PDB file of all heavy atoms in Angstrom:
ATOM      1  N   ASP A   1      98.377 134.459  75.299  1.00  0.00           N
ATOM      2  CA  ASP A   1      97.195 133.725  74.831  1.00  0.00           C
ATOM      3  C   ASP A   1      97.297 133.530  73.285  1.00  0.00           C
ATOM      4  O   ASP A   1      97.733 134.488  72.598  1.00  0.00           O
ATOM      5  CB  ASP A   1      95.883 134.478  75.142  1.00  0.00           C
ATOM      6  CG  ASP A   1      95.640 134.538  76.685  1.00  0.00           C
ATOM      7  OD1 ASP A   1      95.840 133.505  77.326  1.00  0.00           O
ATOM      8  OD2 ASP A   1      95.200 135.614  77.151  1.00  0.00           O
ATOM      9  N   VAL A   2      96.847 132.383  72.819  1.00  0.00           N
ATOM     10  CA  VAL A   2      96.910 132.115  71.400  1.00  0.00           C
ATOM     11  C   VAL A   2      95.556 131.760  70.883  1.00  0.00           C
ATOM     12  O   VAL A   2      94.815 130.963  71.503  1.00  0.00           O
ATOM     13  CB  VAL A   2      97.852 130.924  71.155  1.00  0.00           C
ATOM     14  CG1 VAL A   2      97.872 130.536  69.656  1.00  0.00           C
ATOM     15  CG2 VAL A   2      99.310 131.295  71.581  1.00  0.00           C
ATOM     16  N   SER A   3      95.150 132.354  69.789  1.00  0.00           N
ATOM     17  CA  SER A   3      93.848 132.089  69.178  1.00  0.00           C
ATOM     18  C   SER A   3      94.035 131.760  67.670  1.00  0.00           C
ATOM     19  O   SER A   3      95.119 132.063  67.125  1.00  0.00           O
ATOM     20  CB  SER A   3      92.888 133.265  69.369  1.00  0.00           C
ATOM     21  OG  SER A   3      93.403 134.400  68.737  1.00  0.00           O
ATOM     22  N   PHE A   4      93.019 131.216  67.069  1.00  0.00           N
ATOM     23  CA  PHE A   4      93.106 130.822  65.646  1.00  0.00           C
ATOM     24  C   PHE A   4      91.996 131.496  64.817  1.00  0.00           C
ATOM     25  O   PHE A   4      90.886 131.676  65.276  1.00  0.00           O
ATOM     26  CB  PHE A   4      92.898 129.279  65.509  1.00  0.00           C
ATOM     27  CG  PHE A   4      94.045 128.509  66.129  1.00  0.00           C
ATOM     28  CD1 PHE A   4      94.017 128.151  67.487  1.00  0.00           C
ATOM     29  CD2 PHE A   4      95.112 128.099  65.351  1.00  0.00           C
ATOM     30  CE1 PHE A   4      95.008 127.427  68.039  1.00  0.00           C
ATOM     31  CE2 PHE A   4      96.111 127.324  65.935  1.00  0.00           C
ATOM     32  CZ  PHE A   4      96.111 127.001  67.269  1.00  0.00           C
ATOM     33  N   ILE A   5      92.394 131.776  63.600  1.00  0.00           N
ATOM     34  CA  ILE A   5      91.383 132.169  62.544  1.00  0.00           C
ATOM     35  C   ILE A   5      91.724 131.213  61.372  1.00  0.00           C
ATOM     36  O   ILE A   5      92.824 131.293  60.809  1.00  0.00           O
ATOM     37  CB  ILE A   5      91.526 133.657  62.094  1.00  0.00           C
ATOM     38  CG1 ILE A   5      91.442 134.604  63.292  1.00  0.00           C
ATOM     39  CG2 ILE A   5      90.450 133.954  61.088  1.00  0.00           C
ATOM     40  CD1 ILE A   5      91.593 136.045  62.890  1.00  0.00           C
ATOM     41  N   ASN A   6      90.739 130.420  60.960  1.00  0.00           N
ATOM     42  CA  ASN A   6      90.961 129.444  59.917  1.00  0.00           C
ATOM     43  C   ASN A   6      90.371 129.899  58.583  1.00  0.00           C
ATOM     44  O   ASN A   6      89.307 130.537  58.577  1.00  0.00           O
ATOM     45  CB  ASN A   6      90.361 128.103  60.297  1.00  0.00           C
ATOM     46  CG  ASN A   6      91.045 127.518  61.543  1.00  0.00           C
ATOM     47  OD1 ASN A   6      90.453 127.504  62.607  1.00  0.00           O
ATOM     48  ND2 ASN A   6      92.273 127.070  61.414  1.00  0.00           N
ATOM     49  N   TYR A   7      91.035 129.563  57.512  1.00  0.00           N
ATOM     50  CA  TYR A   7      90.538 129.803  56.166  1.00  0.00           C
ATOM     51  C   TYR A   7      90.578 128.506  55.367  1.00  0.00           C
ATOM     52  O   TYR A   7      91.298 127.550  55.750  1.00  0.00           O
ATOM     53  CB  TYR A   7      91.360 130.881  55.458  1.00  0.00           C
ATOM     54  CG  TYR A   7      92.846 130.520  55.233  1.00  0.00           C
ATOM     55  CD1 TYR A   7      93.182 129.856  54.035  1.00  0.00           C
ATOM     56  CD2 TYR A   7      93.818 130.832  56.136  1.00  0.00           C
ATOM     57  CE1 TYR A   7      94.502 129.490  53.779  1.00  0.00           C
ATOM     58  CE2 TYR A   7      95.131 130.467  55.890  1.00  0.00           C
ATOM     59  CZ  TYR A   7      95.474 129.804  54.725  1.00  0.00           C
ATOM     60  OH  TYR A   7      96.799 129.440  54.495  1.00  0.00           O
ATOM     61  N   ARG A   8      89.899 128.516  54.249  1.00  0.00           N
ATOM     62  CA  ARG A   8      89.905 127.304  53.370  1.00  0.00           C
ATOM     63  C   ARG A   8      91.079 127.410  52.410  1.00  0.00           C
ATOM     64  O   ARG A   8      91.123 128.329  51.624  1.00  0.00           O
ATOM     65  CB  ARG A   8      88.573 127.185  52.643  1.00  0.00           C
ATOM     66  CG  ARG A   8      87.404 126.927  53.540  1.00  0.00           C
ATOM     67  CD  ARG A   8      86.056 126.715  52.729  1.00  0.00           C
ATOM     68  NE  ARG A   8      85.737 127.971  52.027  1.00  0.00           N
ATOM     69  CZ  ARG A   8      85.098 128.999  52.514  1.00  0.00           C
ATOM     70  NH1 ARG A   8      84.758 128.976  53.826  1.00  0.00           N
ATOM     71  NH2 ARG A   8      84.794 130.045  51.779  1.00  0.00           N
ATOM     72  N   HIS A   9      91.976 126.426  52.499  1.00  0.00           N
ATOM     73  CA  HIS A   9      93.155 126.467  51.666  1.00  0.00           C
ATOM     74  C   HIS A   9      92.774 126.468  50.197  1.00  0.00           C
ATOM     75  O   HIS A   9      91.930 125.713  49.718  1.00  0.00           O
ATOM     76  CB  HIS A   9      94.072 125.260  51.979  1.00  0.00           C
ATOM     77  CG  HIS A   9      95.391 125.266  51.339  1.00  0.00           C
ATOM     78  ND1 HIS A   9      95.668 124.876  50.045  1.00  0.00           N
ATOM     79  CD2 HIS A   9      96.580 125.798  51.791  1.00  0.00           C
ATOM     80  CE1 HIS A   9      96.899 125.054  49.748  1.00  0.00           C
ATOM     81  NE2 HIS A   9      97.503 125.607  50.804  1.00  0.00           N
ATOM     82  N   GLY A  10      93.419 127.362  49.431  1.00  0.00           N
ATOM     83  CA  GLY A  10      93.133 127.445  48.018  1.00  0.00           C
ATOM     84  C   GLY A  10      91.933 128.296  47.651  1.00  0.00           C
ATOM     85  O   GLY A  10      91.642 128.496  46.486  1.00  0.00           O
ATOM     86  N   ASP A  11      91.226 128.805  48.651  1.00  0.00           N
ATOM     87  CA  ASP A  11      90.022 129.595  48.453  1.00  0.00           C
ATOM     88  C   ASP A  11      90.398 131.060  48.693  1.00  0.00           C
ATOM     89  O   ASP A  11      90.595 131.515  49.824  1.00  0.00           O
ATOM     90  CB  ASP A  11      88.931 129.157  49.452  1.00  0.00           C
ATOM     91  CG  ASP A  11      87.583 129.850  49.226  1.00  0.00           C
ATOM     92  OD1 ASP A  11      87.606 131.034  48.764  1.00  0.00           O
ATOM     93  OD2 ASP A  11      86.528 129.255  49.483  1.00  0.00           O
ATOM     94  N   LYS A  12      90.488 131.790  47.596  1.00  0.00           N
ATOM     95  CA  LYS A  12      91.002 133.176  47.660  1.00  0.00           C
ATOM     96  C   LYS A  12      90.085 134.072  48.470  1.00  0.00           C
ATOM     97  O   LYS A  12      90.555 134.830  49.289  1.00  0.00           O
ATOM     98  CB  LYS A  12      91.132 133.734  46.249  1.00  0.00           C
ATOM     99  CG  LYS A  12      91.842 135.052  46.237  1.00  0.00           C
ATOM    100  CD  LYS A  12      92.096 135.496  44.784  1.00  0.00           C
ATOM    101  CE  LYS A  12      92.808 136.837  44.710  1.00  0.00           C
ATOM    102  NZ  LYS A  12      93.098 137.260  43.352  1.00  0.00           N
ATOM    103  N   SER A  13      88.796 133.907  48.302  1.00  0.00           N
ATOM    104  CA  SER A  13      87.844 134.780  49.055  1.00  0.00           C
ATOM    105  C   SER A  13      87.929 134.454  50.567  1.00  0.00           C
ATOM    106  O   SER A  13      87.856 135.401  51.375  1.00  0.00           O
ATOM    107  CB  SER A  13      86.433 134.593  48.574  1.00  0.00           C
ATOM    108  OG  SER A  13      85.956 133.231  48.776  1.00  0.00           O
ATOM    109  N   SER A  14      88.126 133.194  50.940  1.00  0.00           N
ATOM    110  CA  SER A  14      88.217 132.832  52.309  1.00  0.00           C
ATOM    111  C   SER A  14      89.485 133.491  52.927  1.00  0.00           C
ATOM    112  O   SER A  14      89.456 133.999  54.052  1.00  0.00           O
ATOM    113  CB  SER A  14      88.259 131.336  52.464  1.00  0.00           C
ATOM    114  OG  SER A  14      88.468 130.937  53.810  1.00  0.00           O
ATOM    115  N   TYR A  15      90.579 133.380  52.200  1.00  0.00           N
ATOM    116  CA  TYR A  15      91.843 133.946  52.700  1.00  0.00           C
ATOM    117  C   TYR A  15      91.783 135.461  52.772  1.00  0.00           C
ATOM    118  O   TYR A  15      92.228 136.054  53.770  1.00  0.00           O
ATOM    119  CB  TYR A  15      93.003 133.506  51.757  1.00  0.00           C
ATOM    120  CG  TYR A  15      94.340 133.865  52.266  1.00  0.00           C
ATOM    121  CD1 TYR A  15      94.875 133.272  53.410  1.00  0.00           C
ATOM    122  CD2 TYR A  15      95.157 134.819  51.614  1.00  0.00           C
ATOM    123  CE1 TYR A  15      96.130 133.556  53.875  1.00  0.00           C
ATOM    124  CE2 TYR A  15      96.397 135.150  52.088  1.00  0.00           C
ATOM    125  CZ  TYR A  15      96.919 134.511  53.214  1.00  0.00           C
ATOM    126  OH  TYR A  15      98.153 134.823  53.665  1.00  0.00           O
ATOM    127  N   GLU A  16      91.183 136.083  51.754  1.00  0.00           N
ATOM    128  CA  GLU A  16      91.044 137.544  51.814  1.00  0.00           C
ATOM    129  C   GLU A  16      90.257 137.977  53.013  1.00  0.00           C
ATOM    130  O   GLU A  16      90.526 139.006  53.659  1.00  0.00           O
ATOM    131  CB  GLU A  16      90.320 138.021  50.530  1.00  0.00           C
ATOM    132  CG  GLU A  16      91.237 138.021  49.272  1.00  0.00           C
ATOM    133  CD  GLU A  16      90.464 138.469  48.020  1.00  0.00           C
ATOM    134  OE1 GLU A  16      89.204 138.303  48.024  1.00  0.00           O
ATOM    135  OE2 GLU A  16      91.070 139.074  47.172  1.00  0.00           O
ATOM    136  N   SER A  17      89.160 137.257  53.330  1.00  0.00           N
ATOM    137  CA  SER A  17      88.286 137.625  54.448  1.00  0.00           C
ATOM    138  C   SER A  17      89.065 137.575  55.721  1.00  0.00           C
ATOM    139  O   SER A  17      88.888 138.454  56.602  1.00  0.00           O
ATOM    140  CB  SER A  17      87.139 136.621  54.514  1.00  0.00           C
ATOM    141  OG  SER A  17      86.321 136.894  55.626  1.00  0.00           O
ATOM    142  N   VAL A  18      89.920 136.569  55.906  1.00  0.00           N
ATOM    143  CA  VAL A  18      90.701 136.489  57.134  1.00  0.00           C
ATOM    144  C   VAL A  18      91.660 137.631  57.246  1.00  0.00           C
ATOM    145  O   VAL A  18      91.844 138.278  58.309  1.00  0.00           O
ATOM    146  CB  VAL A  18      91.468 135.121  57.161  1.00  0.00           C
ATOM    147  CG1 VAL A  18      92.540 135.145  58.206  1.00  0.00           C
ATOM    148  CG2 VAL A  18      90.494 133.984  57.397  1.00  0.00           C
ATOM    149  N   CYS A  19      92.346 137.979  56.152  1.00  0.00           N
ATOM    150  CA  CYS A  19      93.275 139.054  56.147  1.00  0.00           C
ATOM    151  C   CYS A  19      92.590 140.375  56.458  1.00  0.00           C
ATOM    152  O   CYS A  19      93.133 141.213  57.249  1.00  0.00           O
ATOM    153  CB  CYS A  19      93.978 139.166  54.773  1.00  0.00           C
ATOM    154  SG  CYS A  19      95.079 137.782  54.448  1.00  0.00           S
ATOM    155  N   GLN A  20      91.394 140.560  55.906  1.00  0.00           N
ATOM    156  CA  GLN A  20      90.660 141.784  56.162  1.00  0.00           C
ATOM    157  C   GLN A  20      90.257 141.912  57.603  1.00  0.00           C
ATOM    158  O   GLN A  20      90.195 143.022  58.145  1.00  0.00           O
ATOM    159  CB  GLN A  20      89.407 141.849  55.284  1.00  0.00           C
ATOM    160  CG  GLN A  20      89.682 142.134  53.829  1.00  0.00           C
ATOM    161  CD  GLN A  20      90.408 143.488  53.591  1.00  0.00           C
ATOM    162  OE1 GLN A  20      90.055 144.486  54.297  1.00  0.00           O
ATOM    163  NE2 GLN A  20      91.293 143.579  52.670  1.00  0.00           N
ATOM    164  N   LYS A  21      89.929 140.797  58.272  1.00  0.00           N
ATOM    165  CA  LYS A  21      89.593 140.848  59.676  1.00  0.00           C
ATOM    166  C   LYS A  21      90.684 141.491  60.530  1.00  0.00           C
ATOM    167  O   LYS A  21      90.443 142.279  61.443  1.00  0.00           O
ATOM    168  CB  LYS A  21      89.318 139.438  60.182  1.00  0.00           C
ATOM    169  CG  LYS A  21      87.911 138.898  59.889  1.00  0.00           C
ATOM    170  CD  LYS A  21      87.735 137.572  60.596  1.00  0.00           C
ATOM    171  CE  LYS A  21      86.302 137.043  60.309  1.00  0.00           C
ATOM    172  NZ  LYS A  21      86.025 135.767  61.065  1.00  0.00           N
ATOM    173  N   LEU A  22      91.951 141.122  60.158  1.00  0.00           N
ATOM    174  CA  LEU A  22      93.044 141.720  60.908  1.00  0.00           C
ATOM    175  C   LEU A  22      93.251 143.141  60.579  1.00  0.00           C
ATOM    176  O   LEU A  22      93.493 143.981  61.446  1.00  0.00           O
ATOM    177  CB  LEU A  22      94.340 140.898  60.626  1.00  0.00           C
ATOM    178  CG  LEU A  22      94.603 139.720  61.584  1.00  0.00           C
ATOM    179  CD1 LEU A  22      93.571 138.640  61.450  1.00  0.00           C
ATOM    180  CD2 LEU A  22      96.003 139.141  61.339  1.00  0.00           C
ATOM    181  N   MET A  23      93.116 143.486  59.285  1.00  0.00           N
ATOM    182  CA  MET A  23      93.373 144.890  58.879  1.00  0.00           C
ATOM    183  C   MET A  23      92.240 145.826  59.266  1.00  0.00           C
ATOM    184  O   MET A  23      92.485 147.054  59.386  1.00  0.00           O
ATOM    185  CB  MET A  23      93.625 144.922  57.369  1.00  0.00           C
ATOM    186  CG  MET A  23      94.927 144.233  56.975  1.00  0.00           C
ATOM    187  SD  MET A  23      95.360 144.453  55.209  1.00  0.00           S
ATOM    188  CE  MET A  23      94.150 143.363  54.439  1.00  0.00           C
ATOM    189  N   ASN A  24      91.042 145.270  59.462  1.00  0.00           N
ATOM    190  CA  ASN A  24      89.918 146.094  59.868  1.00  0.00           C
ATOM    191  C   ASN A  24      89.755 146.270  61.350  1.00  0.00           C
ATOM    192  O   ASN A  24      88.807 146.891  61.830  1.00  0.00           O
ATOM    193  CB  ASN A  24      88.600 145.498  59.287  1.00  0.00           C
ATOM    194  CG  ASN A  24      88.553 145.606  57.768  1.00  0.00           C
ATOM    195  OD1 ASN A  24      89.254 146.406  57.167  1.00  0.00           O
ATOM    196  ND2 ASN A  24      87.687 144.800  57.149  1.00  0.00           N
ATOM    197  N   GLY A  25      90.633 145.654  62.060  1.00  0.00           N
ATOM    198  CA  GLY A  25      90.595 145.782  63.527  1.00  0.00           C
ATOM    199  C   GLY A  25      89.534 144.931  64.222  1.00  0.00           C
ATOM    200  O   GLY A  25      89.157 145.210  65.360  1.00  0.00           O
ATOM    201  N   GLU A  26      89.023 143.862  63.478  1.00  0.00           N
ATOM    202  CA  GLU A  26      88.054 142.964  64.078  1.00  0.00           C
ATOM    203  C   GLU A  26      88.679 142.026  65.102  1.00  0.00           C
ATOM    204  O   GLU A  26      87.910 141.369  65.861  1.00  0.00           O
ATOM    205  CB  GLU A  26      87.358 142.200  62.968  1.00  0.00           C
ATOM    206  CG  GLU A  26      86.564 143.098  61.991  1.00  0.00           C
ATOM    207  CD  GLU A  26      85.930 142.267  60.875  1.00  0.00           C
ATOM    208  OE1 GLU A  26      85.425 141.151  61.171  1.00  0.00           O
ATOM    209  OE2 GLU A  26      85.948 142.752  59.727  1.00  0.00           O
ATOM    210  N   GLU A  27      89.952 141.878  65.070  1.00  0.00           N
ATOM    211  CA  GLU A  27      90.650 140.973  65.978  1.00  0.00           C
ATOM    212  C   GLU A  27      91.684 141.807  66.786  1.00  0.00           C
ATOM    213  O   GLU A  27      92.299 142.722  66.280  1.00  0.00           O
ATOM    214  CB  GLU A  27      91.381 139.890  65.260  1.00  0.00           C
ATOM    215  CG  GLU A  27      90.450 138.929  64.460  1.00  0.00           C
ATOM    216  CD  GLU A  27      89.687 138.045  65.358  1.00  0.00           C
ATOM    217  OE1 GLU A  27      90.172 137.731  66.473  1.00  0.00           O
ATOM    218  OE2 GLU A  27      88.526 137.642  64.988  1.00  0.00           O
ATOM    219  N   LYS A  28      91.837 141.448  68.058  1.00  0.00           N
ATOM    220  CA  LYS A  28      92.828 142.079  68.913  1.00  0.00           C
ATOM    221  C   LYS A  28      94.074 141.166  68.946  1.00  0.00           C
ATOM    222  O   LYS A  28      93.942 139.977  69.229  1.00  0.00           O
ATOM    223  CB  LYS A  28      92.322 142.329  70.329  1.00  0.00           C
ATOM    224  CG  LYS A  28      91.075 143.245  70.384  1.00  0.00           C
ATOM    225  CD  LYS A  28      91.392 144.634  69.872  1.00  0.00           C
ATOM    226  CE  LYS A  28      90.180 145.519  69.959  1.00  0.00           C
ATOM    227  NZ  LYS A  28      90.465 146.919  69.444  1.00  0.00           N
ATOM    228  N   TYR A  29      95.214 141.690  68.673  1.00  0.00           N
ATOM    229  CA  TYR A  29      96.443 140.916  68.687  1.00  0.00           C
ATOM    230  C   TYR A  29      97.666 141.768  68.845  1.00  0.00           C
ATOM    231  O   TYR A  29      97.699 142.939  68.570  1.00  0.00           O
ATOM    232  CB  TYR A  29      96.522 140.138  67.333  1.00  0.00           C
ATOM    233  CG  TYR A  29      96.449 141.007  66.100  1.00  0.00           C
ATOM    234  CD1 TYR A  29      97.573 141.597  65.567  1.00  0.00           C
ATOM    235  CD2 TYR A  29      95.192 141.293  65.523  1.00  0.00           C
ATOM    236  CE1 TYR A  29      97.480 142.427  64.442  1.00  0.00           C
ATOM    237  CE2 TYR A  29      95.135 142.122  64.399  1.00  0.00           C
ATOM    238  CZ  TYR A  29      96.247 142.679  63.877  1.00  0.00           C
ATOM    239  OH  TYR A  29      96.156 143.519  62.765  1.00  0.00           O
ATOM    240  N   ASP A  30      98.733 141.119  69.331  1.00  0.00           N
ATOM    241  CA  ASP A  30     100.038 141.760  69.489  1.00  0.00           C
ATOM    242  C   ASP A  30     101.049 141.158  68.533  1.00  0.00           C
ATOM    243  O   ASP A  30     102.098 141.759  68.312  1.00  0.00           O
ATOM    244  CB  ASP A  30     100.505 141.570  70.942  1.00  0.00           C
ATOM    245  CG  ASP A  30      99.606 142.198  71.959  1.00  0.00           C
ATOM    246  OD1 ASP A  30      99.560 143.444  72.022  1.00  0.00           O
ATOM    247  OD2 ASP A  30      98.905 141.439  72.676  1.00  0.00           O
ATOM    248  N   ALA A  31     100.700 139.994  68.002  1.00  0.00           N
ATOM    249  CA  ALA A  31     101.621 139.350  67.058  1.00  0.00           C
ATOM    250  C   ALA A  31     100.801 138.329  66.251  1.00  0.00           C
ATOM    251  O   ALA A  31      99.694 137.938  66.678  1.00  0.00           O
ATOM    252  CB  ALA A  31     102.758 138.616  67.754  1.00  0.00           C
ATOM    253  N   VAL A  32     101.313 137.963  65.077  1.00  0.00           N
ATOM    254  CA  VAL A  32     100.544 137.105  64.180  1.00  0.00           C
ATOM    255  C   VAL A  32     101.428 135.978  63.617  1.00  0.00           C
ATOM    256  O   VAL A  32     102.565 136.241  63.192  1.00  0.00           O
ATOM    257  CB  VAL A  32      99.950 137.883  62.979  1.00  0.00           C
ATOM    258  CG1 VAL A  32      98.975 136.971  62.184  1.00  0.00           C
ATOM    259  CG2 VAL A  32      99.215 139.108  63.462  1.00  0.00           C
ATOM    260  N   LEU A  33     100.918 134.735  63.649  1.00  0.00           N
ATOM    261  CA  LEU A  33     101.532 133.628  63.011  1.00  0.00           C
ATOM    262  C   LEU A  33     100.761 133.343  61.771  1.00  0.00           C
ATOM    263  O   LEU A  33      99.543 133.142  61.805  1.00  0.00           O
ATOM    264  CB  LEU A  33     101.539 132.405  63.922  1.00  0.00           C
ATOM    265  CG  LEU A  33     102.172 131.127  63.384  1.00  0.00           C
ATOM    266  CD1 LEU A  33     103.699 131.305  63.184  1.00  0.00           C
ATOM    267  CD2 LEU A  33     101.876 129.942  64.279  1.00  0.00           C
ATOM    268  N   ILE A  34     101.422 133.328  60.600  1.00  0.00           N
ATOM    269  CA  ILE A  34     100.733 133.219  59.308  1.00  0.00           C
ATOM    270  C   ILE A  34     101.193 132.024  58.549  1.00  0.00           C
ATOM    271  O   ILE A  34     102.413 131.852  58.316  1.00  0.00           O
ATOM    272  CB  ILE A  34     100.890 134.513  58.485  1.00  0.00           C
ATOM    273  CG1 ILE A  34     100.529 135.771  59.265  1.00  0.00           C
ATOM    274  CG2 ILE A  34     100.098 134.412  57.192  1.00  0.00           C
ATOM    275  CD1 ILE A  34     100.872 137.053  58.561  1.00  0.00           C
ATOM    276  N   ALA A  35     100.221 131.190  58.064  1.00  0.00           N
ATOM    277  CA  ALA A  35     100.507 130.183  57.057  1.00  0.00           C
ATOM    278  C   ALA A  35     100.005 130.773  55.751  1.00  0.00           C
ATOM    279  O   ALA A  35      98.831 130.687  55.423  1.00  0.00           O
ATOM    280  CB  ALA A  35      99.789 128.880  57.373  1.00  0.00           C
ATOM    281  N   PRO A  36     100.892 131.447  54.954  1.00  0.00           N
ATOM    282  CA  PRO A  36     100.440 132.202  53.783  1.00  0.00           C
ATOM    283  C   PRO A  36      99.848 131.302  52.704  1.00  0.00           C
ATOM    284  O   PRO A  36     100.226 130.107  52.595  1.00  0.00           O
ATOM    285  CB  PRO A  36     101.712 132.841  53.261  1.00  0.00           C
ATOM    286  CG  PRO A  36     102.657 132.763  54.418  1.00  0.00           C
ATOM    287  CD  PRO A  36     102.332 131.511  55.167  1.00  0.00           C
ATOM    288  N   ASN A  37      98.928 131.879  51.897  1.00  0.00           N
ATOM    289  CA  ASN A  37      98.299 131.078  50.872  1.00  0.00           C
ATOM    290  C   ASN A  37      98.334 131.800  49.512  1.00  0.00           C
ATOM    291  O   ASN A  37      98.594 131.145  48.492  1.00  0.00           O
ATOM    292  CB  ASN A  37      96.874 130.752  51.267  1.00  0.00           C
ATOM    293  CG  ASN A  37      96.282 129.558  50.578  1.00  0.00           C
ATOM    294  OD1 ASN A  37      95.091 129.335  50.479  1.00  0.00           O
ATOM    295  ND2 ASN A  37      97.130 128.714  49.997  1.00  0.00           N
ATOM    296  N   PHE A  38      98.044 133.054  49.461  1.00  0.00           N
ATOM    297  CA  PHE A  38      98.051 133.832  48.227  1.00  0.00           C
ATOM    298  C   PHE A  38      99.021 134.996  48.353  1.00  0.00           C
ATOM    299  O   PHE A  38      99.032 135.700  49.385  1.00  0.00           O
ATOM    300  CB  PHE A  38      96.635 134.340  47.885  1.00  0.00           C
ATOM    301  CG  PHE A  38      95.653 133.293  47.490  1.00  0.00           C
ATOM    302  CD1 PHE A  38      94.947 132.613  48.439  1.00  0.00           C
ATOM    303  CD2 PHE A  38      95.526 132.936  46.182  1.00  0.00           C
ATOM    304  CE1 PHE A  38      94.007 131.616  48.093  1.00  0.00           C
ATOM    305  CE2 PHE A  38      94.624 131.931  45.784  1.00  0.00           C
ATOM    306  CZ  PHE A  38      93.889 131.304  46.743  1.00  0.00           C
ATOM    307  N   THR A  39      99.881 135.195  47.376  1.00  0.00           N
ATOM    308  CA  THR A  39     100.987 136.164  47.460  1.00  0.00           C
ATOM    309  C   THR A  39     100.531 137.579  47.650  1.00  0.00           C
ATOM    310  O   THR A  39     100.923 138.250  48.597  1.00  0.00           O
ATOM    311  CB  THR A  39     101.894 136.034  46.246  1.00  0.00           C
ATOM    312  OG1 THR A  39     102.450 134.710  46.187  1.00  0.00           O
ATOM    313  CG2 THR A  39     103.050 137.028  46.335  1.00  0.00           C
ATOM    314  N   GLU A  40      99.703 138.082  46.762  1.00  0.00           N
ATOM    315  CA  GLU A  40      99.314 139.521  46.817  1.00  0.00           C
ATOM    316  C   GLU A  40      98.590 139.838  48.128  1.00  0.00           C
ATOM    317  O   GLU A  40      98.798 140.875  48.761  1.00  0.00           O
ATOM    318  CB  GLU A  40      98.460 139.878  45.635  1.00  0.00           C
ATOM    319  CG  GLU A  40      99.254 139.867  44.306  1.00  0.00           C
ATOM    320  CD  GLU A  40      98.369 140.374  43.123  1.00  0.00           C
ATOM    321  OE1 GLU A  40      97.258 140.791  43.346  1.00  0.00           O
ATOM    322  OE2 GLU A  40      98.874 140.288  41.972  1.00  0.00           O
ATOM    323  N   GLU A  41      97.665 138.962  48.511  1.00  0.00           N
ATOM    324  CA  GLU A  41      96.907 139.241  49.730  1.00  0.00           C
ATOM    325  C   GLU A  41      97.820 139.186  50.968  1.00  0.00           C
ATOM    326  O   GLU A  41      97.650 139.969  51.922  1.00  0.00           O
ATOM    327  CB  GLU A  41      95.778 138.175  49.879  1.00  0.00           C
ATOM    328  CG  GLU A  41      94.655 138.419  48.898  1.00  0.00           C
ATOM    329  CD  GLU A  41      95.012 138.035  47.461  1.00  0.00           C
ATOM    330  OE1 GLU A  41      96.019 137.354  47.216  1.00  0.00           O
ATOM    331  OE2 GLU A  41      94.306 138.509  46.560  1.00  0.00           O
ATOM    332  N   THR A  42      98.797 138.270  50.926  1.00  0.00           N
ATOM    333  CA  THR A  42      99.748 138.198  52.066  1.00  0.00           C
ATOM    334  C   THR A  42     100.613 139.425  52.121  1.00  0.00           C
ATOM    335  O   THR A  42     100.922 139.957  53.188  1.00  0.00           O
ATOM    336  CB  THR A  42     100.609 136.937  51.906  1.00  0.00           C
ATOM    337  OG1 THR A  42      99.795 135.773  51.864  1.00  0.00           O
ATOM    338  CG2 THR A  42     101.568 136.807  53.118  1.00  0.00           C
ATOM    339  N   GLN A  43     101.064 139.902  50.939  1.00  0.00           N
ATOM    340  CA  GLN A  43     101.865 141.102  50.910  1.00  0.00           C
ATOM    341  C   GLN A  43     101.131 142.327  51.435  1.00  0.00           C
ATOM    342  O   GLN A  43     101.717 143.164  52.134  1.00  0.00           O
ATOM    343  CB  GLN A  43     102.332 141.362  49.462  1.00  0.00           C
ATOM    344  CG  GLN A  43     103.421 140.338  48.963  1.00  0.00           C
ATOM    345  CD  GLN A  43     103.688 140.458  47.502  1.00  0.00           C
ATOM    346  OE1 GLN A  43     102.891 141.072  46.724  1.00  0.00           O
ATOM    347  NE2 GLN A  43     104.813 139.959  47.067  1.00  0.00           N
ATOM    348  N   GLU A  44      99.866 142.401  51.119  1.00  0.00           N
ATOM    349  CA  GLU A  44      99.060 143.496  51.607  1.00  0.00           C
ATOM    350  C   GLU A  44      98.915 143.427  53.151  1.00  0.00           C
ATOM    351  O   GLU A  44      99.051 144.443  53.845  1.00  0.00           O
ATOM    352  CB  GLU A  44      97.630 143.462  51.026  1.00  0.00           C
ATOM    353  CG  GLU A  44      96.761 144.635  51.442  1.00  0.00           C
ATOM    354  CD  GLU A  44      95.382 144.618  50.843  1.00  0.00           C
ATOM    355  OE1 GLU A  44      95.069 143.638  50.120  1.00  0.00           O
ATOM    356  OE2 GLU A  44      94.588 145.558  51.135  1.00  0.00           O
ATOM    357  N   LEU A  45      98.609 142.280  53.674  1.00  0.00           N
ATOM    358  CA  LEU A  45      98.528 142.091  55.143  1.00  0.00           C
ATOM    359  C   LEU A  45      99.860 142.396  55.773  1.00  0.00           C
ATOM    360  O   LEU A  45      99.927 143.063  56.818  1.00  0.00           O
ATOM    361  CB  LEU A  45      98.085 140.685  55.456  1.00  0.00           C
ATOM    362  CG  LEU A  45      98.104 140.288  56.949  1.00  0.00           C
ATOM    363  CD1 LEU A  45      97.181 141.224  57.724  1.00  0.00           C
ATOM    364  CD2 LEU A  45      97.687 138.824  57.181  1.00  0.00           C
ATOM    365  N   ALA A  46     100.978 141.868  55.205  1.00  0.00           N
ATOM    366  CA  ALA A  46     102.303 142.121  55.800  1.00  0.00           C
ATOM    367  C   ALA A  46     102.633 143.591  55.780  1.00  0.00           C
ATOM    368  O   ALA A  46     103.196 144.096  56.794  1.00  0.00           O
ATOM    369  CB  ALA A  46     103.353 141.298  54.994  1.00  0.00           C
TER     370      ALA A  46
END
């Protein structure tokens, strides 16, 4: 099954929020497809 979480491109707070959802366990997943937007936030999620 494939699901989406969308963020506003260029909006740091929006991107951070999406990353936090994954790290806080708010989403269930076995794998992640990422279109990265901000380097530090992506590195933290990775």
